[in-house]
Amino acid sequence: MTATPESFKIAWMDSLKAQPTLVAVVGKEIRETEYQSTDWLYPNVRVALEFHPSIIRCGPDDADVDIEVYSEEKSSKEADHIASLIYSLYQGKPFESNGIKFSTVIVRKVTKPERTIFSWVVVVKVFCQGV
């Protein structure tokens, strides 16, 4: 199977949805960042991905994954907690999802909480390699 930006994103979203401790907190609200709806439920997780195909077409493909965590609580505690949970689930832990083997998974950054008009947001920024 040839990896694509779409297959990488689906693999990441399916992996997140398969994490019982994360699902216990956010339920079904794990979607791509482009998801458009008027009925957002909080807390939620949104996934964005920048895909970097292998230059020589035979090595691993790379991706920068942004896992955005949103919470509408008055403090950032819930968003921080969920981001920390995602960090502990993935930092340095290879995994396989939808036929893609992610051999390298490195959390490069967990952003400080930012307040928007509607919610708090924390972003877990991950670098990964998959074949």
N, C-alpha and C. Protein backbone atom coordinates (compact mmCIF):
# COMPACT_ATOMS: atom_id res chain seq x y z
N MET A 1 0.84 -1.19 0.00
CA MET A 1 0.00 0.00 0.00
C MET A 1 0.88 1.25 0.00
N THR A 2 0.59 2.17 -0.88
CA THR A 2 1.31 3.43 -0.93
C THR A 2 0.67 4.40 0.05
N ALA A 3 1.51 4.98 0.90
CA ALA A 3 1.00 5.94 1.88
C ALA A 3 0.63 7.24 1.18
N THR A 4 -0.39 7.87 1.69
CA THR A 4 -0.84 9.17 1.20
C THR A 4 -1.12 10.06 2.40
N PRO A 5 -1.26 11.36 2.18
CA PRO A 5 -1.65 12.22 3.30
C PRO A 5 -2.94 11.74 3.96
N GLU A 6 -3.90 11.33 3.12
CA GLU A 6 -5.18 10.87 3.67
C GLU A 6 -5.02 9.59 4.48
N SER A 7 -4.23 8.63 3.99
CA SER A 7 -4.07 7.38 4.73
C SER A 7 -3.34 7.61 6.05
N PHE A 8 -2.38 8.52 6.08
CA PHE A 8 -1.69 8.85 7.33
C PHE A 8 -2.68 9.46 8.33
N LYS A 9 -3.48 10.42 7.86
CA LYS A 9 -4.42 11.09 8.77
C LYS A 9 -5.45 10.10 9.31
N ILE A 10 -5.98 9.25 8.44
CA ILE A 10 -6.97 8.25 8.88
C ILE A 10 -6.33 7.31 9.89
N ALA A 11 -5.09 6.89 9.64
CA ALA A 11 -4.40 6.00 10.57
C ALA A 11 -4.25 6.65 11.95
N TRP A 12 -3.89 7.93 11.97
CA TRP A 12 -3.75 8.63 13.24
C TRP A 12 -5.09 8.77 13.95
N MET A 13 -6.12 9.14 13.22
CA MET A 13 -7.43 9.31 13.85
C MET A 13 -7.95 7.97 14.37
N ASP A 14 -7.77 6.91 13.61
CA ASP A 14 -8.21 5.59 14.07
C ASP A 14 -7.43 5.14 15.31
N SER A 15 -6.14 5.45 15.33
CA SER A 15 -5.35 5.10 16.51
C SER A 15 -5.83 5.87 17.74
N LEU A 16 -6.08 7.16 17.58
CA LEU A 16 -6.60 7.96 18.71
C LEU A 16 -7.95 7.42 19.18
N LYS A 17 -8.82 7.05 18.23
CA LYS A 17 -10.15 6.53 18.58
C LYS A 17 -10.08 5.16 19.25
N ALA A 18 -8.95 4.48 19.11
CA ALA A 18 -8.77 3.16 19.72
C ALA A 18 -8.16 3.22 21.12
N GLN A 19 -7.91 4.43 21.61
CA GLN A 19 -7.31 4.60 22.94
C GLN A 19 -8.42 4.74 23.99
N PRO A 20 -8.69 3.69 24.77
CA PRO A 20 -9.81 3.74 25.73
C PRO A 20 -9.74 4.91 26.72
N THR A 21 -8.54 5.24 27.18
CA THR A 21 -8.44 6.33 28.17
C THR A 21 -8.78 7.68 27.54
N LEU A 22 -8.45 7.85 26.25
CA LEU A 22 -8.79 9.10 25.57
C LEU A 22 -10.27 9.15 25.25
N VAL A 23 -10.81 8.06 24.74
CA VAL A 23 -12.24 8.00 24.39
C VAL A 23 -13.10 8.20 25.63
N ALA A 24 -12.63 7.75 26.78
CA ALA A 24 -13.39 7.95 28.02
C ALA A 24 -13.57 9.42 28.34
N VAL A 25 -12.64 10.25 27.87
CA VAL A 25 -12.70 11.69 28.15
C VAL A 25 -13.42 12.47 27.06
N VAL A 26 -13.15 12.15 25.79
CA VAL A 26 -13.70 12.95 24.69
C VAL A 26 -14.79 12.24 23.89
N GLY A 27 -15.05 10.98 24.17
CA GLY A 27 -16.09 10.25 23.44
C GLY A 27 -15.77 10.14 21.96
N LYS A 28 -16.75 10.39 21.12
CA LYS A 28 -16.58 10.27 19.66
C LYS A 28 -15.98 11.53 19.04
N GLU A 29 -15.68 12.51 19.83
CA GLU A 29 -15.24 13.80 19.29
C GLU A 29 -13.75 13.83 18.94
N ILE A 30 -13.35 12.90 18.08
CA ILE A 30 -12.00 12.87 17.52
C ILE A 30 -12.20 12.92 16.01
N ARG A 31 -11.85 14.05 15.42
CA ARG A 31 -12.13 14.27 14.00
C ARG A 31 -10.99 15.07 13.36
N GLU A 32 -11.04 15.22 12.05
CA GLU A 32 -10.05 16.03 11.35
C GLU A 32 -10.33 17.51 11.63
N THR A 33 -9.32 18.34 11.49
CA THR A 33 -9.50 19.77 11.77
C THR A 33 -10.48 20.42 10.82
N GLU A 34 -10.62 19.85 9.62
CA GLU A 34 -11.52 20.43 8.62
C GLU A 34 -12.99 20.10 8.87
N TYR A 35 -13.27 19.31 9.88
CA TYR A 35 -14.65 18.92 10.17
C TYR A 35 -15.49 20.17 10.42
N GLN A 36 -16.61 20.25 9.71
CA GLN A 36 -17.48 21.42 9.86
C GLN A 36 -18.83 20.96 10.39
N SER A 37 -19.24 21.59 11.46
CA SER A 37 -20.51 21.26 12.07
C SER A 37 -20.93 22.42 12.96
N THR A 38 -22.20 22.47 13.25
CA THR A 38 -22.69 23.49 14.18
C THR A 38 -22.91 22.88 15.56
N ASP A 39 -22.66 21.60 15.71
CA ASP A 39 -22.92 20.93 16.98
C ASP A 39 -21.67 20.33 17.60
N TRP A 40 -20.62 21.11 17.71
CA TRP A 40 -19.40 20.66 18.37
C TRP A 40 -19.70 20.32 19.81
N LEU A 41 -19.14 19.23 20.27
CA LEU A 41 -19.22 18.87 21.68
C LEU A 41 -17.84 19.03 22.29
N TYR A 42 -17.80 19.46 23.51
CA TYR A 42 -16.52 19.65 24.22
C TYR A 42 -16.45 18.67 25.37
N PRO A 43 -15.25 18.22 25.72
CA PRO A 43 -13.98 18.47 25.05
C PRO A 43 -13.91 17.68 23.76
N ASN A 44 -12.97 18.09 22.88
CA ASN A 44 -12.79 17.36 21.63
C ASN A 44 -11.35 17.44 21.17
N VAL A 45 -11.05 16.56 20.20
CA VAL A 45 -9.72 16.46 19.62
C VAL A 45 -9.85 16.57 18.12
N ARG A 46 -8.99 17.38 17.49
CA ARG A 46 -8.97 17.54 16.05
C ARG A 46 -7.56 17.24 15.55
N VAL A 47 -7.45 16.60 14.39
CA VAL A 47 -6.17 16.16 13.87
C VAL A 47 -5.87 16.84 12.54
N ALA A 48 -4.68 17.45 12.44
CA ALA A 48 -4.18 18.04 11.19
C ALA A 48 -2.84 17.38 10.90
N LEU A 49 -2.50 17.31 9.61
CA LEU A 49 -1.29 16.58 9.26
C LEU A 49 -0.63 17.20 8.03
N GLU A 50 0.69 17.37 8.11
CA GLU A 50 1.50 17.76 6.95
C GLU A 50 2.31 16.54 6.55
N PHE A 51 2.10 16.08 5.34
CA PHE A 51 2.71 14.85 4.86
C PHE A 51 3.95 15.17 4.04
N HIS A 52 5.04 14.43 4.29
CA HIS A 52 6.29 14.61 3.57
C HIS A 52 6.68 13.25 2.98
N PRO A 53 6.37 13.01 1.70
CA PRO A 53 6.69 11.70 1.12
C PRO A 53 8.19 11.45 1.06
N SER A 54 8.54 10.19 1.11
CA SER A 54 9.95 9.80 1.00
C SER A 54 10.53 10.33 -0.30
N ILE A 55 11.68 10.92 -0.23
CA ILE A 55 12.31 11.51 -1.41
C ILE A 55 12.72 10.42 -2.40
N ILE A 56 13.17 9.30 -1.90
CA ILE A 56 13.63 8.23 -2.79
C ILE A 56 12.57 7.15 -3.03
N ARG A 57 11.39 7.36 -2.54
CA ARG A 57 10.22 6.50 -2.74
C ARG A 57 10.36 5.09 -2.18
N CYS A 58 11.37 4.83 -1.37
CA CYS A 58 11.46 3.48 -0.81
C CYS A 58 11.73 3.52 0.69
N GLY A 59 11.87 4.70 1.25
CA GLY A 59 12.09 4.80 2.68
C GLY A 59 10.79 5.18 3.36
N PRO A 60 10.87 5.46 4.63
CA PRO A 60 9.65 5.87 5.33
C PRO A 60 9.19 7.25 4.90
N ASP A 61 7.88 7.44 4.93
CA ASP A 61 7.31 8.77 4.71
C ASP A 61 7.25 9.46 6.06
N ASP A 62 7.38 10.78 6.07
CA ASP A 62 7.33 11.56 7.30
C ASP A 62 6.04 12.36 7.36
N ALA A 63 5.67 12.73 8.57
CA ALA A 63 4.53 13.63 8.74
C ALA A 63 4.71 14.42 10.03
N ASP A 64 4.22 15.65 9.99
CA ASP A 64 4.08 16.46 11.19
C ASP A 64 2.59 16.46 11.51
N VAL A 65 2.26 15.98 12.68
CA VAL A 65 0.86 15.82 13.09
C VAL A 65 0.57 16.82 14.20
N ASP A 66 -0.48 17.60 14.03
CA ASP A 66 -0.95 18.50 15.10
C ASP A 66 -2.24 17.91 15.65
N ILE A 67 -2.21 17.58 16.93
CA ILE A 67 -3.39 17.06 17.60
C ILE A 67 -3.89 18.18 18.51
N GLU A 68 -4.99 18.81 18.09
CA GLU A 68 -5.53 19.96 18.80
C GLU A 68 -6.57 19.49 19.82
N VAL A 69 -6.43 19.98 21.04
CA VAL A 69 -7.34 19.61 22.12
C VAL A 69 -8.12 20.86 22.52
N TYR A 70 -9.45 20.75 22.51
CA TYR A 70 -10.32 21.88 22.85
C TYR A 70 -11.14 21.57 24.10
N SER A 71 -11.29 22.57 24.95
CA SER A 71 -12.11 22.45 26.15
C SER A 71 -12.82 23.77 26.40
N GLU A 72 -14.09 23.70 26.82
CA GLU A 72 -14.83 24.93 27.10
C GLU A 72 -14.92 25.23 28.60
N GLU A 73 -14.12 24.52 29.39
CA GLU A 73 -14.10 24.79 30.83
C GLU A 73 -13.56 26.20 31.11
N LYS A 74 -13.78 26.68 32.33
CA LYS A 74 -13.32 28.03 32.68
C LYS A 74 -11.80 28.10 32.82
N SER A 75 -11.17 26.98 33.16
CA SER A 75 -9.71 26.96 33.24
C SER A 75 -9.18 26.02 32.16
N SER A 76 -7.88 26.06 31.97
CA SER A 76 -7.25 25.23 30.94
C SER A 76 -6.92 23.82 31.43
N LYS A 77 -7.28 23.52 32.65
CA LYS A 77 -6.91 22.24 33.27
C LYS A 77 -7.33 21.03 32.43
N GLU A 78 -8.56 21.00 31.93
CA GLU A 78 -9.05 19.86 31.16
C GLU A 78 -8.26 19.70 29.86
N ALA A 79 -8.03 20.78 29.14
CA ALA A 79 -7.27 20.72 27.89
C ALA A 79 -5.84 20.25 28.15
N ASP A 80 -5.22 20.76 29.21
CA ASP A 80 -3.88 20.33 29.59
C ASP A 80 -3.85 18.83 29.91
N HIS A 81 -4.86 18.37 30.65
CA HIS A 81 -4.93 16.97 31.03
C HIS A 81 -5.02 16.07 29.80
N ILE A 82 -5.89 16.42 28.86
CA ILE A 82 -6.06 15.60 27.65
C ILE A 82 -4.78 15.61 26.81
N ALA A 83 -4.14 16.78 26.68
CA ALA A 83 -2.89 16.86 25.93
C ALA A 83 -1.81 16.01 26.59
N SER A 84 -1.74 16.02 27.91
CA SER A 84 -0.77 15.20 28.63
C SER A 84 -1.05 13.71 28.43
N LEU A 85 -2.32 13.37 28.39
CA LEU A 85 -2.71 11.98 28.13
C LEU A 85 -2.23 11.55 26.74
N ILE A 86 -2.46 12.38 25.73
CA ILE A 86 -2.01 12.08 24.37
C ILE A 86 -0.49 11.95 24.34
N TYR A 87 0.20 12.85 25.02
CA TYR A 87 1.66 12.78 25.10
C TYR A 87 2.10 11.42 25.65
N SER A 88 1.51 11.00 26.75
CA SER A 88 1.93 9.74 27.37
C SER A 88 1.56 8.52 26.52
N LEU A 89 0.50 8.62 25.73
CA LEU A 89 0.09 7.51 24.86
C LEU A 89 1.02 7.33 23.66
N TYR A 90 1.65 8.40 23.19
CA TYR A 90 2.39 8.33 21.93
C TYR A 90 3.88 8.62 22.00
N GLN A 91 4.35 9.35 22.97
CA GLN A 91 5.76 9.75 22.98
C GLN A 91 6.68 8.53 22.96
N GLY A 92 7.43 8.39 21.86
CA GLY A 92 8.41 7.32 21.74
C GLY A 92 7.82 5.93 21.59
N LYS A 93 6.54 5.84 21.25
CA LYS A 93 5.88 4.53 21.17
C LYS A 93 5.44 4.22 19.75
N PRO A 94 6.18 3.36 19.06
CA PRO A 94 5.78 2.96 17.71
C PRO A 94 4.41 2.28 17.76
N PHE A 95 3.67 2.36 16.66
CA PHE A 95 2.37 1.69 16.59
C PHE A 95 2.02 1.42 15.14
N GLU A 96 1.01 0.58 14.95
CA GLU A 96 0.51 0.29 13.62
C GLU A 96 -0.97 0.59 13.59
N SER A 97 -1.41 1.22 12.51
CA SER A 97 -2.82 1.55 12.34
C SER A 97 -3.15 1.57 10.86
N ASN A 98 -4.21 0.91 10.48
CA ASN A 98 -4.67 0.87 9.08
C ASN A 98 -3.57 0.46 8.10
N GLY A 99 -2.76 -0.49 8.50
CA GLY A 99 -1.72 -1.00 7.62
C GLY A 99 -0.48 -0.15 7.53
N ILE A 100 -0.40 0.92 8.28
CA ILE A 100 0.80 1.77 8.29
C ILE A 100 1.53 1.54 9.61
N LYS A 101 2.82 1.24 9.52
CA LYS A 101 3.66 1.05 10.70
C LYS A 101 4.39 2.36 10.98
N PHE A 102 4.06 2.97 12.08
CA PHE A 102 4.73 4.20 12.49
C PHE A 102 5.88 3.80 13.42
N SER A 103 7.09 3.76 12.84
CA SER A 103 8.25 3.29 13.59
C SER A 103 8.86 4.37 14.46
N THR A 104 8.67 5.60 14.08
CA THR A 104 9.18 6.73 14.85
C THR A 104 8.02 7.64 15.21
N VAL A 105 7.86 7.89 16.50
CA VAL A 105 6.82 8.80 16.97
C VAL A 105 7.45 9.67 18.05
N ILE A 106 7.62 10.94 17.74
CA ILE A 106 8.28 11.86 18.68
C ILE A 106 7.38 13.07 18.89
N VAL A 107 7.01 13.31 20.13
CA VAL A 107 6.26 14.52 20.46
C VAL A 107 7.30 15.64 20.55
N ARG A 108 7.19 16.58 19.63
CA ARG A 108 8.16 17.68 19.60
C ARG A 108 7.78 18.82 20.52
N LYS A 109 6.47 18.96 20.76
CA LYS A 109 6.05 20.12 21.54
C LYS A 109 4.61 19.92 22.01
N VAL A 110 4.33 20.36 23.21
CA VAL A 110 2.95 20.50 23.70
C VAL A 110 2.81 21.99 24.02
N THR A 111 1.96 22.67 23.28
CA THR A 111 1.88 24.12 23.42
C THR A 111 1.24 24.52 24.74
N LYS A 112 1.49 25.74 25.12
CA LYS A 112 0.80 26.27 26.30
C LYS A 112 -0.67 26.49 25.93
N PRO A 113 -1.54 26.43 26.90
CA PRO A 113 -2.96 26.65 26.60
C PRO A 113 -3.20 28.07 26.09
N GLU A 114 -4.01 28.16 25.06
CA GLU A 114 -4.42 29.45 24.50
C GLU A 114 -5.93 29.56 24.63
N ARG A 115 -6.40 30.73 24.98
CA ARG A 115 -7.83 30.96 25.13
C ARG A 115 -8.37 31.57 23.84
N THR A 116 -9.40 30.94 23.27
CA THR A 116 -10.10 31.52 22.13
C THR A 116 -11.42 32.07 22.65
N ILE A 117 -12.25 32.58 21.77
CA ILE A 117 -13.55 33.11 22.18
C ILE A 117 -14.41 32.02 22.81
N PHE A 118 -14.29 30.80 22.25
CA PHE A 118 -15.17 29.72 22.67
C PHE A 118 -14.53 28.71 23.61
N SER A 119 -13.21 28.57 23.57
CA SER A 119 -12.61 27.45 24.29
C SER A 119 -11.13 27.67 24.55
N TRP A 120 -10.58 26.74 25.34
CA TRP A 120 -9.14 26.61 25.49
C TRP A 120 -8.65 25.65 24.42
N VAL A 121 -7.44 25.86 23.93
CA VAL A 121 -6.85 24.92 22.98
C VAL A 121 -5.38 24.68 23.35
N VAL A 122 -5.00 23.42 23.32
CA VAL A 122 -3.61 23.00 23.49
C VAL A 122 -3.30 22.10 22.30
N VAL A 123 -2.11 22.27 21.70
CA VAL A 123 -1.74 21.48 20.53
C VAL A 123 -0.56 20.57 20.88
N VAL A 124 -0.73 19.29 20.57
CA VAL A 124 0.34 18.31 20.71
C VAL A 124 0.94 18.16 19.31
N LYS A 125 2.21 18.54 19.17
CA LYS A 125 2.86 18.51 17.86
C LYS A 125 3.78 17.28 17.81
N VAL A 126 3.48 16.42 16.84
CA VAL A 126 4.16 15.13 16.74
C VAL A 126 4.86 14.99 15.39
N PHE A 127 6.07 14.44 15.41
CA PHE A 127 6.75 14.03 14.19
C PHE A 127 6.67 12.51 14.13
N CYS A 128 6.35 11.98 12.94
CA CYS A 128 6.29 10.52 12.81
C CYS A 128 6.82 10.08 11.47
N GLN A 129 7.25 8.83 11.43
CA GLN A 129 7.66 8.19 10.19
C GLN A 129 6.87 6.91 10.06
N GLY A 130 6.37 6.66 8.84
CA GLY A 130 5.58 5.46 8.65
C GLY A 130 5.83 4.81 7.31
N VAL A 131 5.64 3.50 7.29
CA VAL A 131 5.73 2.73 6.04
C VAL A 131 4.55 1.79 5.92
